[in-house]
Amino acid sequence: MRRPRAPAGHQYGVPVPVTKQRKQVLLRLDPAVHDALARWAADELRSTNAQVEYLLRQALAAAGRLPKETGPLPRRGRPPKDGTSGD
């Protein structure tokens, strides 16, 4: 037996807080699509996950739907030894 839900009326109109934590998403792909994506990611020296995020950000930007408060893609790899940019 299900419990009755609490009334949701007070929730409407309340902005959802934006968190700075990275979200995890389960994504089901056709194996051929995954293989093509993995090859493309390897060609650009990215992980498959980073390639998916890169492509999603490109698509959102092209559609004019990328939020302004979206931060840059996280830098991957080992940080420089002296803490500088490495140039």
PDB file of N, CA and C in Angstrom:
ATOM      1  N   MET A   1       0.836  -1.178   0.000  1.00  0.00           N
ATOM      2  CA  MET A   1       0.000   0.000   0.000  1.00  0.00           C
ATOM      3  C   MET A   1       0.887   1.249   0.000  1.00  0.00           C
ATOM      4  N   ARG A   2       0.545   2.188  -0.835  1.00  0.00           N
ATOM      5  CA  ARG A   2       1.328   3.422  -0.937  1.00  0.00           C
ATOM      6  C   ARG A   2       0.884   4.441   0.091  1.00  0.00           C
ATOM      7  N   ARG A   3       1.863   5.196   0.568  1.00  0.00           N
ATOM      8  CA  ARG A   3       1.535   6.299   1.467  1.00  0.00           C
ATOM      9  C   ARG A   3       1.027   7.468   0.651  1.00  0.00           C
ATOM     10  N   PRO A   4       0.123   8.251   1.167  1.00  0.00           N
ATOM     11  CA  PRO A   4      -0.340   9.430   0.425  1.00  0.00           C
ATOM     12  C   PRO A   4       0.786  10.442   0.310  1.00  0.00           C
ATOM     13  N   ARG A   5       0.825  11.091  -0.811  1.00  0.00           N
ATOM     14  CA  ARG A   5       1.840  12.122  -1.028  1.00  0.00           C
ATOM     15  C   ARG A   5       1.465  13.404  -0.310  1.00  0.00           C
ATOM     16  N   ALA A   6       2.490  14.120   0.081  1.00  0.00           N
ATOM     17  CA  ALA A   6       2.264  15.424   0.699  1.00  0.00           C
ATOM     18  C   ALA A   6       1.833  16.403  -0.382  1.00  0.00           C
ATOM     19  N   PRO A   7       1.035  17.387  -0.037  1.00  0.00           N
ATOM     20  CA  PRO A   7       0.627  18.365  -1.046  1.00  0.00           C
ATOM     21  C   PRO A   7       1.836  19.074  -1.635  1.00  0.00           C
ATOM     22  N   ALA A   8       1.820  19.224  -2.966  1.00  0.00           N
ATOM     23  CA  ALA A   8       2.965  19.810  -3.659  1.00  0.00           C
ATOM     24  C   ALA A   8       2.764  21.271  -4.000  1.00  0.00           C
ATOM     25  N   GLY A   9       1.639  21.847  -3.641  1.00  0.00           N
ATOM     26  CA  GLY A   9       1.338  23.220  -4.024  1.00  0.00           C
ATOM     27  C   GLY A   9       2.368  24.227  -3.561  1.00  0.00           C
ATOM     28  N   HIS A  10       2.923  24.047  -2.377  1.00  0.00           N
ATOM     29  CA  HIS A  10       3.891  25.017  -1.855  1.00  0.00           C
ATOM     30  C   HIS A  10       5.233  24.932  -2.563  1.00  0.00           C
ATOM     31  N   GLN A  11       5.471  23.869  -3.328  1.00  0.00           N
ATOM     32  CA  GLN A  11       6.742  23.707  -4.019  1.00  0.00           C
ATOM     33  C   GLN A  11       6.799  24.498  -5.314  1.00  0.00           C
ATOM     34  N   TYR A  12       5.682  24.777  -5.918  1.00  0.00           N
ATOM     35  CA  TYR A  12       5.678  25.484  -7.197  1.00  0.00           C
ATOM     36  C   TYR A  12       6.121  26.921  -7.011  1.00  0.00           C
ATOM     37  N   GLY A  13       6.907  27.398  -7.958  1.00  0.00           N
ATOM     38  CA  GLY A  13       7.376  28.771  -7.902  1.00  0.00           C
ATOM     39  C   GLY A  13       8.635  28.958  -7.079  1.00  0.00           C
ATOM     40  N   VAL A  14       9.106  27.910  -6.441  1.00  0.00           N
ATOM     41  CA  VAL A  14      10.325  27.996  -5.649  1.00  0.00           C
ATOM     42  C   VAL A  14      11.496  27.640  -6.551  1.00  0.00           C
ATOM     43  N   PRO A  15      12.466  28.540  -6.709  1.00  0.00           N
ATOM     44  CA  PRO A  15      13.598  28.218  -7.582  1.00  0.00           C
ATOM     45  C   PRO A  15      14.408  27.052  -7.041  1.00  0.00           C
ATOM     46  N   VAL A  16      14.881  26.228  -7.933  1.00  0.00           N
ATOM     47  CA  VAL A  16      15.707  25.086  -7.563  1.00  0.00           C
ATOM     48  C   VAL A  16      17.141  25.577  -7.398  1.00  0.00           C
ATOM     49  N   PRO A  17      17.758  25.313  -6.247  1.00  0.00           N
ATOM     50  CA  PRO A  17      19.133  25.788  -6.060  1.00  0.00           C
ATOM     51  C   PRO A  17      20.094  25.057  -6.999  1.00  0.00           C
ATOM     52  N   VAL A  18      21.061  25.796  -7.510  1.00  0.00           N
ATOM     53  CA  VAL A  18      22.076  25.224  -8.391  1.00  0.00           C
ATOM     54  C   VAL A  18      23.229  24.755  -7.516  1.00  0.00           C
ATOM     55  N   THR A  19      23.571  23.483  -7.638  1.00  0.00           N
ATOM     56  CA  THR A  19      24.678  22.963  -6.846  1.00  0.00           C
ATOM     57  C   THR A  19      25.946  22.945  -7.682  1.00  0.00           C
ATOM     58  N   LYS A  20      27.065  22.998  -7.030  1.00  0.00           N
ATOM     59  CA  LYS A  20      28.351  22.984  -7.722  1.00  0.00           C
ATOM     60  C   LYS A  20      28.895  21.578  -7.886  1.00  0.00           C
ATOM     61  N   GLN A  21      28.205  20.582  -7.323  1.00  0.00           N
ATOM     62  CA  GLN A  21      28.662  19.208  -7.473  1.00  0.00           C
ATOM     63  C   GLN A  21      28.351  18.714  -8.876  1.00  0.00           C
ATOM     64  N   ARG A  22      29.193  17.831  -9.384  1.00  0.00           N
ATOM     65  CA  ARG A  22      28.980  17.231 -10.695  1.00  0.00           C
ATOM     66  C   ARG A  22      27.890  16.182 -10.554  1.00  0.00           C
ATOM     67  N   LYS A  23      26.997  16.127 -11.501  1.00  0.00           N
ATOM     68  CA  LYS A  23      25.895  15.173 -11.487  1.00  0.00           C
ATOM     69  C   LYS A  23      26.295  13.904 -12.219  1.00  0.00           C
ATOM     70  N   GLN A  24      25.790  12.784 -11.754  1.00  0.00           N
ATOM     71  CA  GLN A  24      26.019  11.509 -12.413  1.00  0.00           C
ATOM     72  C   GLN A  24      24.752  11.134 -13.161  1.00  0.00           C
ATOM     73  N   VAL A  25      24.932  10.668 -14.411  1.00  0.00           N
ATOM     74  CA  VAL A  25      23.803  10.311 -15.251  1.00  0.00           C
ATOM     75  C   VAL A  25      24.071   8.949 -15.873  1.00  0.00           C
ATOM     76  N   LEU A  26      23.086   8.072 -15.787  1.00  0.00           N
ATOM     77  CA  LEU A  26      23.179   6.792 -16.466  1.00  0.00           C
ATOM     78  C   LEU A  26      22.683   6.996 -17.893  1.00  0.00           C
ATOM     79  N   LEU A  27      23.484   6.619 -18.859  1.00  0.00           N
ATOM     80  CA  LEU A  27      23.142   6.827 -20.265  1.00  0.00           C
ATOM     81  C   LEU A  27      23.220   5.504 -20.999  1.00  0.00           C
ATOM     82  N   ARG A  28      22.126   5.124 -21.623  1.00  0.00           N
ATOM     83  CA  ARG A  28      22.108   3.890 -22.402  1.00  0.00           C
ATOM     84  C   ARG A  28      22.304   4.245 -23.866  1.00  0.00           C
ATOM     85  N   LEU A  29      23.305   3.635 -24.492  1.00  0.00           N
ATOM     86  CA  LEU A  29      23.627   3.916 -25.886  1.00  0.00           C
ATOM     87  C   LEU A  29      23.652   2.630 -26.690  1.00  0.00           C
ATOM     88  N   ASP A  30      23.361   2.761 -27.957  1.00  0.00           N
ATOM     89  CA  ASP A  30      23.563   1.660 -28.889  1.00  0.00           C
ATOM     90  C   ASP A  30      25.062   1.353 -28.885  1.00  0.00           C
ATOM     91  N   PRO A  31      25.450   0.087 -28.881  1.00  0.00           N
ATOM     92  CA  PRO A  31      26.879  -0.247 -28.846  1.00  0.00           C
ATOM     93  C   PRO A  31      27.691   0.376 -29.983  1.00  0.00           C
ATOM     94  N   ALA A  32      27.117   0.477 -31.163  1.00  0.00           N
ATOM     95  CA  ALA A  32      27.840   1.082 -32.284  1.00  0.00           C
ATOM     96  C   ALA A  32      28.057   2.577 -32.051  1.00  0.00           C
ATOM     97  N   VAL A  33      27.060   3.237 -31.457  1.00  0.00           N
ATOM     98  CA  VAL A  33      27.196   4.660 -31.145  1.00  0.00           C
ATOM     99  C   VAL A  33      28.269   4.852 -30.075  1.00  0.00           C
ATOM    100  N   HIS A  34      28.258   3.988 -29.065  1.00  0.00           N
ATOM    101  CA  HIS A  34      29.272   4.087 -28.012  1.00  0.00           C
ATOM    102  C   HIS A  34      30.673   3.881 -28.576  1.00  0.00           C
ATOM    103  N   ASP A  35      30.829   2.893 -29.439  1.00  0.00           N
ATOM    104  CA  ASP A  35      32.141   2.631 -30.037  1.00  0.00           C
ATOM    105  C   ASP A  35      32.629   3.824 -30.854  1.00  0.00           C
ATOM    106  N   ALA A  36      31.735   4.413 -31.644  1.00  0.00           N
ATOM    107  CA  ALA A  36      32.105   5.584 -32.441  1.00  0.00           C
ATOM    108  C   ALA A  36      32.478   6.757 -31.539  1.00  0.00           C
ATOM    109  N   LEU A  37      31.720   6.939 -30.469  1.00  0.00           N
ATOM    110  CA  LEU A  37      31.990   8.017 -29.520  1.00  0.00           C
ATOM    111  C   LEU A  37      33.328   7.798 -28.813  1.00  0.00           C
ATOM    112  N   ALA A  38      33.605   6.559 -28.425  1.00  0.00           N
ATOM    113  CA  ALA A  38      34.871   6.243 -27.757  1.00  0.00           C
ATOM    114  C   ALA A  38      36.060   6.479 -28.690  1.00  0.00           C
ATOM    115  N   ARG A  39      35.912   6.121 -29.966  1.00  0.00           N
ATOM    116  CA  ARG A  39      37.001   6.367 -30.928  1.00  0.00           C
ATOM    117  C   ARG A  39      37.227   7.862 -31.109  1.00  0.00           C
ATOM    118  N   TRP A  40      36.147   8.616 -31.230  1.00  0.00           N
ATOM    119  CA  TRP A  40      36.240  10.069 -31.389  1.00  0.00           C
ATOM    120  C   TRP A  40      36.917  10.681 -30.164  1.00  0.00           C
ATOM    121  N   ALA A  41      36.525  10.239 -28.972  1.00  0.00           N
ATOM    122  CA  ALA A  41      37.130  10.749 -27.741  1.00  0.00           C
ATOM    123  C   ALA A  41      38.619  10.447 -27.712  1.00  0.00           C
ATOM    124  N   ALA A  42      39.003   9.244 -28.103  1.00  0.00           N
ATOM    125  CA  ALA A  42      40.417   8.873 -28.117  1.00  0.00           C
ATOM    126  C   ALA A  42      41.194   9.732 -29.106  1.00  0.00           C
ATOM    127  N   ASP A  43      40.598  10.034 -30.244  1.00  0.00           N
ATOM    128  CA  ASP A  43      41.252  10.887 -31.232  1.00  0.00           C
ATOM    129  C   ASP A  43      41.530  12.280 -30.679  1.00  0.00           C
ATOM    130  N   GLU A  44      40.668  12.755 -29.796  1.00  0.00           N
ATOM    131  CA  GLU A  44      40.820  14.096 -29.225  1.00  0.00           C
ATOM    132  C   GLU A  44      41.409  14.065 -27.821  1.00  0.00           C
ATOM    133  N   LEU A  45      41.954  12.902 -27.421  1.00  0.00           N
ATOM    134  CA  LEU A  45      42.600  12.724 -26.117  1.00  0.00           C
ATOM    135  C   LEU A  45      41.685  13.078 -24.957  1.00  0.00           C
ATOM    136  N   ARG A  46      40.425  12.633 -25.051  1.00  0.00           N
ATOM    137  CA  ARG A  46      39.450  12.807 -23.981  1.00  0.00           C
ATOM    138  C   ARG A  46      38.932  11.439 -23.577  1.00  0.00           C
ATOM    139  N   SER A  47      38.367  11.376 -22.383  1.00  0.00           N
ATOM    140  CA  SER A  47      37.641  10.178 -21.994  1.00  0.00           C
ATOM    141  C   SER A  47      36.293  10.208 -22.719  1.00  0.00           C
ATOM    142  N   THR A  48      35.641   9.072 -22.766  1.00  0.00           N
ATOM    143  CA  THR A  48      34.314   9.024 -23.395  1.00  0.00           C
ATOM    144  C   THR A  48      33.355   9.933 -22.639  1.00  0.00           C
ATOM    145  N   ASN A  49      33.429   9.933 -21.321  1.00  0.00           N
ATOM    146  CA  ASN A  49      32.562  10.783 -20.515  1.00  0.00           C
ATOM    147  C   ASN A  49      32.803  12.265 -20.813  1.00  0.00           C
ATOM    148  N   ALA A  50      34.070  12.663 -20.902  1.00  0.00           N
ATOM    149  CA  ALA A  50      34.402  14.061 -21.207  1.00  0.00           C
ATOM    150  C   ALA A  50      33.930  14.438 -22.606  1.00  0.00           C
ATOM    151  N   GLN A  51      33.994  13.496 -23.537  1.00  0.00           N
ATOM    152  CA  GLN A  51      33.539  13.761 -24.900  1.00  0.00           C
ATOM    153  C   GLN A  51      32.027  13.983 -24.925  1.00  0.00           C
ATOM    154  N   VAL A  52      31.286  13.187 -24.161  1.00  0.00           N
ATOM    155  CA  VAL A  52      29.831  13.359 -24.087  1.00  0.00           C
ATOM    156  C   VAL A  52      29.511  14.738 -23.536  1.00  0.00           C
ATOM    157  N   GLU A  53      30.181  15.144 -22.451  1.00  0.00           N
ATOM    158  CA  GLU A  53      29.918  16.464 -21.873  1.00  0.00           C
ATOM    159  C   GLU A  53      30.292  17.573 -22.851  1.00  0.00           C
ATOM    160  N   TYR A  54      31.409  17.430 -23.542  1.00  0.00           N
ATOM    161  CA  TYR A  54      31.843  18.424 -24.527  1.00  0.00           C
ATOM    162  C   TYR A  54      30.783  18.583 -25.620  1.00  0.00           C
ATOM    163  N   LEU A  55      30.299  17.464 -26.142  1.00  0.00           N
ATOM    164  CA  LEU A  55      29.306  17.517 -27.216  1.00  0.00           C
ATOM    165  C   LEU A  55      27.967  18.081 -26.734  1.00  0.00           C
ATOM    166  N   LEU A  56      27.575  17.723 -25.526  1.00  0.00           N
ATOM    167  CA  LEU A  56      26.332  18.274 -24.983  1.00  0.00           C
ATOM    168  C   LEU A  56      26.435  19.786 -24.786  1.00  0.00           C
ATOM    169  N   ARG A  57      27.578  20.246 -24.301  1.00  0.00           N
ATOM    170  CA  ARG A  57      27.761  21.693 -24.132  1.00  0.00           C
ATOM    171  C   ARG A  57      27.733  22.416 -25.479  1.00  0.00           C
ATOM    172  N   GLN A  58      28.368  21.811 -26.490  1.00  0.00           N
ATOM    173  CA  GLN A  58      28.336  22.411 -27.833  1.00  0.00           C
ATOM    174  C   GLN A  58      26.905  22.509 -28.351  1.00  0.00           C
ATOM    175  N   ALA A  59      26.143  21.438 -28.188  1.00  0.00           N
ATOM    176  CA  ALA A  59      24.757  21.419 -28.660  1.00  0.00           C
ATOM    177  C   ALA A  59      23.910  22.444 -27.914  1.00  0.00           C
ATOM    178  N   LEU A  60      24.086  22.545 -26.597  1.00  0.00           N
ATOM    179  CA  LEU A  60      23.344  23.531 -25.821  1.00  0.00           C
ATOM    180  C   LEU A  60      23.704  24.954 -26.244  1.00  0.00           C
ATOM    181  N   ALA A  61      24.978  25.213 -26.459  1.00  0.00           N
ATOM    182  CA  ALA A  61      25.411  26.546 -26.883  1.00  0.00           C
ATOM    183  C   ALA A  61      24.848  26.875 -28.264  1.00  0.00           C
ATOM    184  N   ALA A  62      24.886  25.927 -29.183  1.00  0.00           N
ATOM    185  CA  ALA A  62      24.377  26.161 -30.536  1.00  0.00           C
ATOM    186  C   ALA A  62      22.880  26.433 -30.523  1.00  0.00           C
ATOM    187  N   ALA A  63      22.162  25.816 -29.590  1.00  0.00           N
ATOM    188  CA  ALA A  63      20.717  26.012 -29.487  1.00  0.00           C
ATOM    189  C   ALA A  63      20.358  27.228 -28.635  1.00  0.00           C
ATOM    190  N   GLY A  64      21.374  27.893 -28.079  1.00  0.00           N
ATOM    191  CA  GLY A  64      21.124  29.049 -27.226  1.00  0.00           C
ATOM    192  C   GLY A  64      20.545  28.655 -25.878  1.00  0.00           C
ATOM    193  N   ARG A  65      20.837  27.450 -25.416  1.00  0.00           N
ATOM    194  CA  ARG A  65      20.269  26.949 -24.168  1.00  0.00           C
ATOM    195  C   ARG A  65      21.315  26.675 -23.089  1.00  0.00           C
ATOM    196  N   LEU A  66      22.565  27.011 -23.333  1.00  0.00           N
ATOM    197  CA  LEU A  66      23.599  26.806 -22.324  1.00  0.00           C
ATOM    198  C   LEU A  66      23.455  27.895 -21.266  1.00  0.00           C
ATOM    199  N   PRO A  67      23.225  27.531 -20.003  1.00  0.00           N
ATOM    200  CA  PRO A  67      23.054  28.546 -18.958  1.00  0.00           C
ATOM    201  C   PRO A  67      24.293  29.430 -18.819  1.00  0.00           C
ATOM    202  N   LYS A  68      24.070  30.710 -18.544  1.00  0.00           N
ATOM    203  CA  LYS A  68      25.178  31.667 -18.420  1.00  0.00           C
ATOM    204  C   LYS A  68      26.085  31.338 -17.245  1.00  0.00           C
ATOM    205  N   GLU A  69      25.505  30.740 -16.196  1.00  0.00           N
ATOM    206  CA  GLU A  69      26.303  30.449 -15.004  1.00  0.00           C
ATOM    207  C   GLU A  69      27.087  29.145 -15.122  1.00  0.00           C
ATOM    208  N   THR A  70      27.032  28.498 -16.288  1.00  0.00           N
ATOM    209  CA  THR A  70      27.783  27.257 -16.490  1.00  0.00           C
ATOM    210  C   THR A  70      29.273  27.553 -16.479  1.00  0.00           C
ATOM    211  N   GLY A  71      29.985  26.835 -15.642  1.00  0.00           N
ATOM    212  CA  GLY A  71      31.426  27.014 -15.549  1.00  0.00           C
ATOM    213  C   GLY A  71      32.135  26.333 -16.709  1.00  0.00           C
ATOM    214  N   PRO A  72      33.427  26.532 -16.803  1.00  0.00           N
ATOM    215  CA  PRO A  72      34.191  25.890 -17.873  1.00  0.00           C
ATOM    216  C   PRO A  72      34.295  24.388 -17.617  1.00  0.00           C
ATOM    217  N   LEU A  73      34.648  23.663 -18.660  1.00  0.00           N
ATOM    218  CA  LEU A  73      34.882  22.232 -18.493  1.00  0.00           C
ATOM    219  C   LEU A  73      36.018  22.041 -17.510  1.00  0.00           C
ATOM    220  N   PRO A  74      35.898  21.070 -16.621  1.00  0.00           N
ATOM    221  CA  PRO A  74      36.995  20.842 -15.667  1.00  0.00           C
ATOM    222  C   PRO A  74      38.260  20.408 -16.380  1.00  0.00           C
ATOM    223  N   ARG A  75      39.374  20.893 -15.907  1.00  0.00           N
ATOM    224  CA  ARG A  75      40.668  20.501 -16.475  1.00  0.00           C
ATOM    225  C   ARG A  75      40.964  19.089 -16.037  1.00  0.00           C
ATOM    226  N   ARG A  76      41.435  18.293 -16.946  1.00  0.00           N
ATOM    227  CA  ARG A  76      41.756  16.897 -16.645  1.00  0.00           C
ATOM    228  C   ARG A  76      43.265  16.719 -16.584  1.00  0.00           C
ATOM    229  N   GLY A  77      43.675  15.631 -16.003  1.00  0.00           N
ATOM    230  CA  GLY A  77      45.094  15.308 -15.981  1.00  0.00           C
ATOM    231  C   GLY A  77      45.786  15.802 -14.730  1.00  0.00           C
ATOM    232  N   ARG A  78      47.067  15.619 -14.718  1.00  0.00           N
ATOM    233  CA  ARG A  78      47.903  15.961 -13.573  1.00  0.00           C
ATOM    234  C   ARG A  78      48.158  17.466 -13.548  1.00  0.00           C
ATOM    235  N   PRO A  79      48.027  18.102 -12.383  1.00  0.00           N
ATOM    236  CA  PRO A  79      48.321  19.541 -12.294  1.00  0.00           C
ATOM    237  C   PRO A  79      49.811  19.785 -12.454  1.00  0.00           C
ATOM    238  N   PRO A  80      50.206  20.992 -12.868  1.00  0.00           N
ATOM    239  CA  PRO A  80      51.628  21.314 -13.007  1.00  0.00           C
ATOM    240  C   PRO A  80      52.330  21.189 -11.659  1.00  0.00           C
ATOM    241  N   LYS A  81      53.626  20.845 -11.702  1.00  0.00           N
ATOM    242  CA  LYS A  81      54.405  20.629 -10.478  1.00  0.00           C
ATOM    243  C   LYS A  81      54.521  21.886  -9.633  1.00  0.00           C
ATOM    244  N   ASP A  82      54.718  23.043 -10.275  1.00  0.00           N
ATOM    245  CA  ASP A  82      54.938  24.267  -9.514  1.00  0.00           C
ATOM    246  C   ASP A  82      53.655  25.069  -9.294  1.00  0.00           C
ATOM    247  N   GLY A  83      52.512  24.543  -9.730  1.00  0.00           N
ATOM    248  CA  GLY A  83      51.239  25.226  -9.518  1.00  0.00           C
ATOM    249  C   GLY A  83      50.933  26.311 -10.528  1.00  0.00           C
ATOM    250  N   THR A  84      51.765  26.460 -11.561  1.00  0.00           N
ATOM    251  CA  THR A  84      51.505  27.462 -12.587  1.00  0.00           C
ATOM    252  C   THR A  84      50.794  26.806 -13.763  1.00  0.00           C
ATOM    253  N   SER A  85      50.585  27.584 -14.823  1.00  0.00           N
ATOM    254  CA  SER A  85      49.861  27.091 -15.978  1.00  0.00           C
ATOM    255  C   SER A  85      50.644  26.079 -16.798  1.00  0.00           C
ATOM    256  N   GLY A  86      51.925  25.949 -16.582  1.00  0.00           N
ATOM    257  CA  GLY A  86      52.727  24.949 -17.271  1.00  0.00           C
ATOM    258  C   GLY A  86      53.348  25.433 -18.552  1.00  0.00           C
ATOM    259  N   ASP A  87      53.231  26.742 -18.854  1.00  0.00           N
ATOM    260  CA  ASP A  87      53.832  27.292 -20.100  1.00  0.00           C
ATOM    261  C   ASP A  87      55.267  27.619 -19.918  1.00  0.00           C
TER     262      ASP A  87
END
